[in-house]
Every structure is written in structure tokens, then in C-alpha cells.
Amino acid sequence: MARRSIVRVTEDPQDAGAWYRLGNAREDEGRDAEALACFERAVAIDPGHARAWNNLGAASQRLGDLRRAESAYRTARSRDPALLQSHLNLGRLHESRGDYARAAACYRAALTHHPDDGMLAHLLAAASGENTPRAPRQYVQALFDEQARGFDAHLVQELEYRIPEVLADLVRPALTRRPAQVLDLGCGTGLVGAALAAEGIELTGVDLSADMLHQAQKRGIYVRLIQADVLEGLAQCAGTSLAAVVAADMFIYVGELDELFAEASRALVQGGVFAFSIEALESGSYRLQPTGRYAHALDYVRALAGNCGLSVERIADARIRRQGQGYATGSVVLMRKA
């Protein structure tokens, strides 16, 4: 693509579309300064090129020029009010500054053009302080398809994410009988599987994102990978068939956990374990946060355990991941089926 675009801009330096495509190619290569220069040429030639304005904003943001990024996103919206990505990018820029009212206004404006978009509805609910039972399937799938390629490096190296190892250390001693069937809910790229994999542990991963599952497949540690919602994945498991169900940083996309706990308990063998992490909520049951993620109260998960024949064996405080200037905090929990 880059070579064809170079040829095209050489043949016709006034072709805004060619400069736009070359900018996209440079962006894919991680050459943001060059991408920015290409998008600048595109909008200089065609000031009405909304997608070039949007991508100019994204390149500016990655280069740290937030004022210019905001201006470019606004220009993109004015050139094409129906361009979804410019609304999203501007909303997320406002969120990064903690300005959720302006972020909500961006998502609300976008919904006038895309009224059935579940991702926009979820982001608007989060930015507006509403509570919903779970994130829409469309939102979760799109989010992780977009992040799959650089997910491990970003999460582990930049956000200091260690929950898979912590959960693996909790679960491994409970797997006394081999082979042990283990279900990894929201398996993503397979970080939990990599931490838990050992002889006699047969791992099945469930995730909505096809791109995440493609990355997990490369590890060669799962006997089965299922593209499905976590409840759909659990429903495919026979009763009393699993030695463990593990969910690392997955409940942040599911608020109401009643059905999920009941299905996990149904699928576990007697003595099987259910291990997961949650973000901290002081009271109530669950809450959709402005970040778009859910937090859960420990009293809520304790009550669910009692209702589903699960006993709480261990709860430990945990730093989930870096967030802003600090950390998202919560707990890791180990439950056992009576």
C-alpha cells in the first residue's frame, strides 16, 4: 500500500486521497511524524477531507499535541458530522482529561447519526453516570479486535498487569487431579493460559474477539478456543465437568453476575474452583464507571457465592493495572464448589 501511494503522490502531488492513504501506511508502520505530514498535505489540498482531518488528530494525539488533536477532531466532525471515529476520538480525548460531560456530549451527538450503535450507547452511559447490567457485545468485540495485535506489550509492560500470574498461583494448588479441565473466560491473547499451562491441565479459552483468539492460538496451549460470549461459552460445558473456571479482569465488562455465577457453579465438579479478579466498589452491587468498566462490591460476590453453592476460600487486595497516575485497585477471589 505504501509503495503504491508513493507512486501516486509522485505522479500527482495534488491527489489528496493518495496523501491520505500514504499517511495511513506510515501510521501502520508506527512512523507518526511522517503520517502527520501526509495528513497535513491531504487537508491542505482538500480541506473537506474529514477522514484525513480525523487521522491528523490521532497522529497529533500520539505525538503529544492534544490541543491540535482536539482542533482536528472538531474539524473532522464539521466536515462530516456522520463520521463515527471523529466523535469517538474527541470523546475519548475528553475522557483522558476527566471531562466526562464533554465526552458524553460527543457520544450523544454521534448517536444522532448512529442510533443503533451499542458501543456509543455504552460509552454514553459510562460518561453520564448511568448503570447498566453489562457492556454490549458489539462494544467488547470491537474494543479487543482493535487492541489484539499490541495487547500483551501494552498491558504487561506499560500497565504492569500481573493478575494472570496471581490467579494461576491461586488455582494451580487446587488442581490435584489430572487431567484437569480448566475454562478461561475472556481469555484474550492467552495470558492466563500461559501462566497456568502445565502437563495434565487442559485449557479451553472463550472470548468474543476473533483477533484475540488468533493471538491465543499462536501460544499452542489451548485444547479448544471458542468465539462466544462468556455465558455462551459456559453453556457449552457439561455439568460438573470443570476443575476450574478462571476470569482475569473480565468482570469489568459484565456488571450483573448472577447468571454467570450460577453457570460457573453448574459446570464445576465438586471441589472445583472459581477464581477471578474484580475492581473495587465500596458498597452496593456493581457500578459502571466513567472508564466504561464495571466495579463490584465484595459483599455482592459473597452473596452470589452463597446463592450458588460456592464457598469463599480467599480474597486478597490487588493492584489490577496502571490507570492514569496511579492504579486501578480491586481484589482477587478464590471460591470452591461445595
Protein backbone atom coordinates (compact mmCIF):
# COMPACT_ATOMS: atom_id res chain seq x y z
CA MET A 1 0.00 0.00 0.00
CA ALA A 2 2.78 2.44 0.93
CA ARG A 3 4.64 1.85 -2.34
CA ARG A 4 1.52 2.38 -4.46
CA SER A 5 0.71 5.58 -2.54
CA ILE A 6 4.25 6.90 -3.01
CA VAL A 7 3.97 6.25 -6.73
CA ARG A 8 0.62 8.00 -6.82
CA VAL A 9 1.73 11.14 -4.94
CA THR A 10 4.83 11.28 -7.14
CA GLU A 11 2.68 11.13 -10.26
CA ASP A 12 0.10 13.58 -8.91
CA PRO A 13 1.22 15.57 -5.86
CA GLN A 14 -2.23 17.18 -5.71
CA ASP A 15 -4.06 13.90 -5.06
CA ALA A 16 -5.39 14.31 -1.51
CA GLY A 17 -6.59 10.71 -1.39
CA ALA A 18 -3.11 9.40 -2.17
CA TRP A 19 -1.58 11.50 0.63
CA TYR A 20 -4.28 10.21 2.98
CA ARG A 21 -3.53 6.58 2.09
CA LEU A 22 0.20 7.15 2.45
CA GLY A 23 -0.41 8.67 5.86
CA ASN A 24 -2.36 5.56 6.88
CA ALA A 25 0.50 3.36 5.71
CA ARG A 26 3.03 5.39 7.72
CA GLU A 27 0.69 5.19 10.72
CA ASP A 28 0.59 1.40 10.44
CA GLU A 29 4.39 1.40 10.42
CA GLY A 30 4.49 3.49 13.61
CA ARG A 31 6.01 6.49 11.80
CA ASP A 32 3.66 9.07 13.30
CA ALA A 33 5.60 12.22 12.40
CA GLU A 34 5.65 11.18 8.72
CA ALA A 35 1.99 10.17 8.91
CA LEU A 36 1.13 13.60 10.32
CA ALA A 37 2.94 15.32 7.45
CA CYS A 38 0.96 13.23 4.94
CA PHE A 39 -2.37 14.10 6.53
CA GLU A 40 -1.37 17.77 6.57
CA ARG A 41 -0.75 17.60 2.82
CA ALA A 42 -4.11 15.86 2.29
CA VAL A 43 -6.14 18.52 4.12
CA ALA A 44 -4.18 21.36 2.53
CA ILE A 45 -5.20 20.01 -0.88
CA ASP A 46 -8.75 19.08 0.16
CA PRO A 47 -9.92 20.92 3.31
CA GLY A 48 -13.15 18.89 3.19
CA HIS A 49 -11.41 15.52 3.65
CA ALA A 50 -12.95 14.57 7.01
CA ARG A 51 -11.09 11.27 7.42
CA ALA A 52 -7.74 12.97 6.83
CA TRP A 53 -8.61 15.57 9.49
CA ASN A 54 -9.56 12.80 11.91
CA ASN A 55 -6.33 10.90 11.31
CA LEU A 56 -4.35 14.13 11.57
CA GLY A 57 -5.89 14.50 15.02
CA ALA A 58 -5.00 10.93 16.00
CA ALA A 59 -1.39 11.35 14.86
CA SER A 60 -1.15 14.66 16.75
CA GLN A 61 -2.51 12.99 19.87
CA ARG A 62 0.02 10.16 19.70
CA LEU A 63 2.75 12.78 19.31
CA GLY A 64 1.52 14.58 22.43
CA ASP A 65 -0.08 17.65 20.83
CA LEU A 66 -3.50 17.39 22.44
CA ARG A 67 -4.63 20.91 21.55
CA ARG A 68 -4.04 20.29 17.87
CA ALA A 69 -5.66 16.85 18.14
CA GLU A 70 -8.83 18.34 19.59
CA SER A 71 -8.96 21.01 16.89
CA ALA A 72 -8.50 18.42 14.13
CA TYR A 73 -11.22 16.13 15.53
CA ARG A 74 -13.62 19.07 15.68
CA THR A 75 -12.79 20.00 12.10
CA ALA A 76 -13.39 16.40 11.01
CA ARG A 77 -16.82 16.46 12.66
CA SER A 78 -17.71 19.72 10.96
CA ARG A 79 -16.67 18.35 7.54
CA ASP A 80 -18.65 15.12 8.02
CA PRO A 81 -20.98 15.09 11.07
CA ALA A 82 -21.73 11.39 10.50
CA LEU A 83 -18.07 10.28 10.72
CA LEU A 84 -18.17 8.00 13.75
CA GLN A 85 -14.45 7.86 14.50
CA SER A 86 -14.10 11.62 14.96
CA HIS A 87 -16.85 11.65 17.61
CA LEU A 88 -15.24 8.70 19.37
CA ASN A 89 -11.75 10.16 19.27
CA LEU A 90 -12.88 13.53 20.59
CA GLY A 91 -14.94 11.86 23.32
CA ARG A 92 -12.03 9.72 24.42
CA LEU A 93 -9.73 12.74 24.42
CA HIS A 94 -12.14 14.50 26.79
CA GLU A 95 -12.26 11.35 28.95
CA SER A 96 -8.47 11.31 29.20
CA ARG A 97 -8.74 14.78 30.75
CA GLY A 98 -11.51 13.72 33.12
CA ASP A 99 -14.09 15.86 31.32
CA TYR A 100 -16.90 13.32 31.15
CA ALA A 101 -19.64 15.87 30.45
CA ARG A 102 -17.99 16.87 27.18
CA ALA A 103 -17.27 13.22 26.37
CA ALA A 104 -20.96 12.41 26.88
CA ALA A 105 -21.91 15.26 24.54
CA CYS A 106 -19.69 13.74 21.82
CA TYR A 107 -21.28 10.31 22.16
CA ARG A 108 -24.77 11.80 22.27
CA ALA A 109 -24.07 13.71 19.05
CA ALA A 110 -22.73 10.58 17.39
CA LEU A 111 -25.86 8.63 18.34
CA THR A 112 -28.00 11.03 16.32
CA HIS A 113 -26.22 9.64 13.24
CA HIS A 114 -25.72 6.07 14.51
CA PRO A 115 -28.74 5.41 16.76
CA ASP A 116 -28.26 1.63 16.93
CA ASP A 117 -24.57 1.66 17.82
CA GLY A 118 -24.13 -0.33 21.07
CA MET A 119 -20.60 0.93 21.63
CA LEU A 120 -21.78 4.56 21.62
CA ALA A 121 -24.66 3.74 23.96
CA HIS A 122 -22.25 2.10 26.42
CA LEU A 123 -19.76 4.96 26.32
CA LEU A 124 -22.55 7.49 26.81
CA ALA A 125 -23.94 5.56 29.78
CA ALA A 126 -20.48 5.40 31.37
CA ALA A 127 -19.70 9.08 30.80
CA SER A 128 -23.18 10.09 32.05
CA GLY A 129 -23.01 8.12 35.31
CA GLU A 130 -25.71 5.62 34.34
CA ASN A 131 -25.63 1.98 35.43
CA THR A 132 -26.26 -0.89 33.02
CA PRO A 133 -26.16 -4.67 33.53
CA ARG A 134 -23.34 -5.36 31.06
CA ALA A 135 -21.32 -3.92 28.20
CA PRO A 136 -22.84 -4.58 24.76
CA ARG A 137 -21.37 -7.45 22.77
CA GLN A 138 -20.54 -5.06 19.92
CA TYR A 139 -18.51 -2.81 22.23
CA VAL A 140 -16.42 -5.60 23.72
CA GLN A 141 -15.77 -7.29 20.40
CA ALA A 142 -14.74 -4.06 18.63
CA LEU A 143 -12.57 -2.93 21.55
CA PHE A 144 -10.50 -6.09 21.67
CA ASP A 145 -10.30 -6.69 17.93
CA GLU A 146 -8.73 -3.23 17.77
CA GLN A 147 -6.27 -3.91 20.61
CA ALA A 148 -5.27 -7.51 19.86
CA ARG A 149 -2.01 -7.00 18.00
CA GLY A 150 -0.20 -4.96 20.64
CA PHE A 151 -2.25 -6.09 23.61
CA ASP A 152 0.36 -8.03 25.58
CA ALA A 153 3.06 -5.40 25.34
CA HIS A 154 0.67 -2.62 26.33
CA LEU A 155 -0.96 -4.46 29.21
CA VAL A 156 2.06 -6.21 30.70
CA GLN A 157 4.85 -3.73 30.05
CA GLU A 158 3.06 -0.39 30.15
CA LEU A 159 0.19 -1.10 32.57
CA GLU A 160 2.10 -3.55 34.81
CA TYR A 161 -0.65 -6.15 34.61
CA ARG A 162 0.10 -9.22 36.74
CA ILE A 163 -3.35 -10.64 37.52
CA PRO A 164 -2.94 -13.78 35.34
CA GLU A 165 0.06 -14.92 37.37
CA VAL A 166 -1.69 -14.12 40.67
CA LEU A 167 -4.77 -16.14 39.68
CA ALA A 168 -2.65 -19.01 38.35
CA ASP A 169 -0.88 -19.21 41.72
CA LEU A 170 -4.27 -19.44 43.45
CA VAL A 171 -5.71 -22.06 41.09
CA ARG A 172 -2.76 -24.39 40.50
CA PRO A 173 -2.67 -25.97 44.01
CA ALA A 174 -6.38 -26.81 43.67
CA LEU A 175 -5.84 -28.89 40.53
CA THR A 176 -4.82 -32.06 42.34
CA ARG A 177 -6.40 -34.46 39.85
CA ARG A 178 -5.10 -34.67 36.31
CA PRO A 179 -6.21 -34.28 33.63
CA ALA A 180 -7.91 -31.12 34.88
CA GLN A 181 -10.36 -29.30 32.63
CA VAL A 182 -9.98 -25.51 33.01
CA LEU A 183 -12.15 -22.85 31.37
CA ASP A 184 -10.51 -19.45 30.79
CA LEU A 185 -13.31 -16.87 30.48
CA GLY A 186 -12.39 -13.82 28.40
CA CYS A 187 -9.09 -15.49 27.59
CA GLY A 188 -7.89 -12.69 25.30
CA THR A 189 -4.41 -13.42 23.97
CA GLY A 190 -3.91 -16.23 26.48
CA LEU A 191 -2.07 -14.55 29.34
CA VAL A 192 -3.88 -16.67 31.95
CA GLY A 193 -3.34 -19.82 29.91
CA ALA A 194 0.39 -19.09 29.65
CA ALA A 195 0.61 -18.60 33.41
CA LEU A 196 -1.36 -21.77 34.21
CA ALA A 197 -0.28 -24.19 31.46
CA ALA A 198 1.27 -27.44 32.69
CA GLU A 199 1.12 -31.13 31.94
CA GLY A 200 -2.33 -32.51 32.66
CA ILE A 201 -4.10 -29.13 32.56
CA GLU A 202 -6.43 -28.98 29.57
CA LEU A 203 -7.30 -25.38 28.79
CA THR A 204 -10.34 -24.09 26.94
CA GLY A 205 -10.49 -20.37 26.15
CA VAL A 206 -13.59 -18.28 25.48
CA ASP A 207 -13.54 -14.79 24.01
CA LEU A 208 -15.72 -12.58 21.81
CA SER A 209 -12.79 -11.22 19.82
CA ALA A 210 -11.65 -13.28 16.85
CA ASP A 211 -8.41 -11.31 16.72
CA MET A 212 -7.68 -12.05 20.39
CA LEU A 213 -8.35 -15.74 19.83
CA HIS A 214 -5.96 -15.70 16.87
CA GLN A 215 -3.22 -14.46 19.20
CA ALA A 216 -4.14 -17.06 21.83
CA GLN A 217 -3.98 -19.83 19.21
CA LYS A 218 -0.36 -18.96 18.50
CA ARG A 219 0.61 -19.97 22.04
CA GLY A 220 -0.29 -23.59 21.38
CA ILE A 221 -1.55 -24.18 24.93
CA TYR A 222 -5.33 -24.36 24.48
CA VAL A 223 -7.05 -27.59 23.51
CA ARG A 224 -10.04 -25.56 22.39
CA LEU A 225 -10.83 -21.91 21.68
CA ILE A 226 -14.42 -20.68 21.42
CA GLN A 227 -15.53 -17.36 19.98
CA ALA A 228 -18.53 -16.58 22.15
CA ASP A 229 -19.92 -14.52 24.96
CA VAL A 230 -18.77 -15.90 28.32
CA LEU A 231 -22.26 -17.15 29.20
CA GLU A 232 -22.48 -18.90 25.85
CA GLY A 233 -19.09 -20.48 26.49
CA LEU A 234 -20.13 -21.71 29.92
CA ALA A 235 -23.37 -23.09 28.50
CA GLN A 236 -21.32 -25.32 26.17
CA CYS A 237 -19.71 -27.02 29.17
CA ALA A 238 -21.37 -30.13 30.57
CA GLY A 239 -22.46 -30.05 34.20
CA THR A 240 -19.80 -31.00 36.77
CA SER A 241 -17.11 -31.17 34.07
CA LEU A 242 -14.64 -28.44 35.01
CA ALA A 243 -11.94 -28.45 37.65
CA ALA A 244 -11.62 -24.67 37.45
CA VAL A 245 -13.15 -21.57 35.91
CA VAL A 246 -10.85 -18.55 35.72
CA ALA A 247 -11.76 -14.97 34.80
CA ALA A 248 -8.90 -12.45 34.84
CA ASP A 249 -10.02 -8.82 34.52
CA MET A 250 -13.13 -9.98 32.66
CA PHE A 251 -15.90 -8.91 35.04
CA ILE A 252 -15.03 -5.29 34.21
CA TYR A 253 -17.27 -5.82 31.15
CA VAL A 254 -20.09 -7.57 33.00
CA GLY A 255 -21.97 -5.80 35.78
CA GLU A 256 -24.70 -8.21 36.82
CA LEU A 257 -23.01 -11.52 37.70
CA ASP A 258 -25.92 -13.62 38.98
CA GLU A 259 -26.36 -15.82 35.91
CA LEU A 260 -22.63 -16.13 35.33
CA PHE A 261 -22.01 -17.38 38.88
CA ALA A 262 -24.86 -19.88 38.59
CA GLU A 263 -23.48 -21.23 35.29
CA ALA A 264 -19.94 -21.47 36.66
CA SER A 265 -21.17 -23.42 39.67
CA ARG A 266 -23.20 -25.76 37.44
CA ALA A 267 -20.17 -26.55 35.29
CA LEU A 268 -17.73 -27.14 38.17
CA VAL A 269 -17.07 -30.53 39.68
CA GLN A 270 -17.49 -30.89 43.42
CA GLY A 271 -14.44 -29.27 44.92
CA GLY A 272 -13.76 -27.32 41.73
CA VAL A 273 -12.62 -23.70 41.98
CA PHE A 274 -13.76 -20.40 40.57
CA ALA A 275 -11.07 -17.70 40.53
CA PHE A 276 -11.45 -14.13 39.30
CA SER A 277 -10.49 -10.51 39.75
CA ILE A 278 -12.76 -7.50 40.30
CA GLU A 279 -12.27 -3.76 40.51
CA ALA A 280 -13.17 -2.33 43.90
CA LEU A 281 -16.59 -0.90 44.78
CA GLU A 282 -17.21 0.11 48.38
CA SER A 283 -20.95 -0.59 48.57
CA GLY A 284 -23.92 -1.73 46.54
CA SER A 285 -23.57 -4.49 43.97
CA TYR A 286 -21.95 -3.25 40.75
CA ARG A 287 -21.35 0.10 39.10
CA LEU A 288 -20.47 1.16 35.56
CA GLN A 289 -17.58 3.59 35.96
CA PRO A 290 -16.73 6.56 33.71
CA THR A 291 -13.91 4.44 32.27
CA GLY A 292 -16.53 2.14 30.70
CA ARG A 293 -15.55 -0.69 33.10
CA TYR A 294 -17.56 -2.20 35.93
CA ALA A 295 -16.58 -2.35 39.59
CA HIS A 296 -18.09 -4.86 42.04
CA ALA A 297 -18.59 -4.88 45.79
CA LEU A 298 -17.16 -7.81 47.74
CA ASP A 299 -20.45 -8.20 49.64
CA TYR A 300 -22.18 -8.71 46.29
CA VAL A 301 -19.88 -11.52 45.16
CA ARG A 302 -20.03 -13.13 48.60
CA ALA A 303 -23.82 -13.16 48.44
CA LEU A 304 -23.75 -14.65 44.94
CA ALA A 305 -21.39 -17.36 46.13
CA GLY A 306 -23.78 -18.34 48.91
CA ASN A 307 -26.70 -18.49 46.48
CA CYS A 308 -24.80 -20.77 44.08
CA GLY A 309 -23.25 -23.34 46.42
CA LEU A 310 -19.81 -21.74 46.37
CA SER A 311 -17.69 -21.04 49.42
CA VAL A 312 -15.19 -18.18 49.55
CA GLU A 313 -11.71 -19.52 50.28
CA ARG A 314 -9.57 -16.48 49.74
CA ILE A 315 -9.85 -12.78 48.99
CA ALA A 316 -6.76 -10.65 48.52
CA ASP A 317 -6.32 -6.99 47.66
CA ALA A 318 -4.74 -6.41 44.29
CA ARG A 319 -3.44 -3.68 42.02
CA ILE A 320 -5.22 -4.54 38.79
CA ARG A 321 -3.33 -2.32 36.34
CA ARG A 322 -1.90 1.17 35.99
CA GLN A 323 -4.58 3.80 35.49
CA GLY A 324 -3.71 7.44 34.95
CA GLN A 325 -1.15 8.47 37.55
CA GLY A 326 -2.00 5.58 39.87
CA TYR A 327 -3.52 2.11 39.80
CA ALA A 328 -6.94 0.56 39.43
CA THR A 329 -7.39 -1.40 42.64
CA GLY A 330 -9.55 -4.37 43.49
CA SER A 331 -9.41 -7.97 44.65
CA VAL A 332 -8.58 -11.46 43.51
CA VAL A 333 -11.04 -14.06 44.76
CA LEU A 334 -10.93 -17.85 45.03
CA MET A 335 -14.17 -19.79 45.55
CA ARG A 336 -14.78 -23.54 45.79
CA LYS A 337 -17.85 -25.56 44.92
CA ALA A 338 -19.16 -27.44 47.94
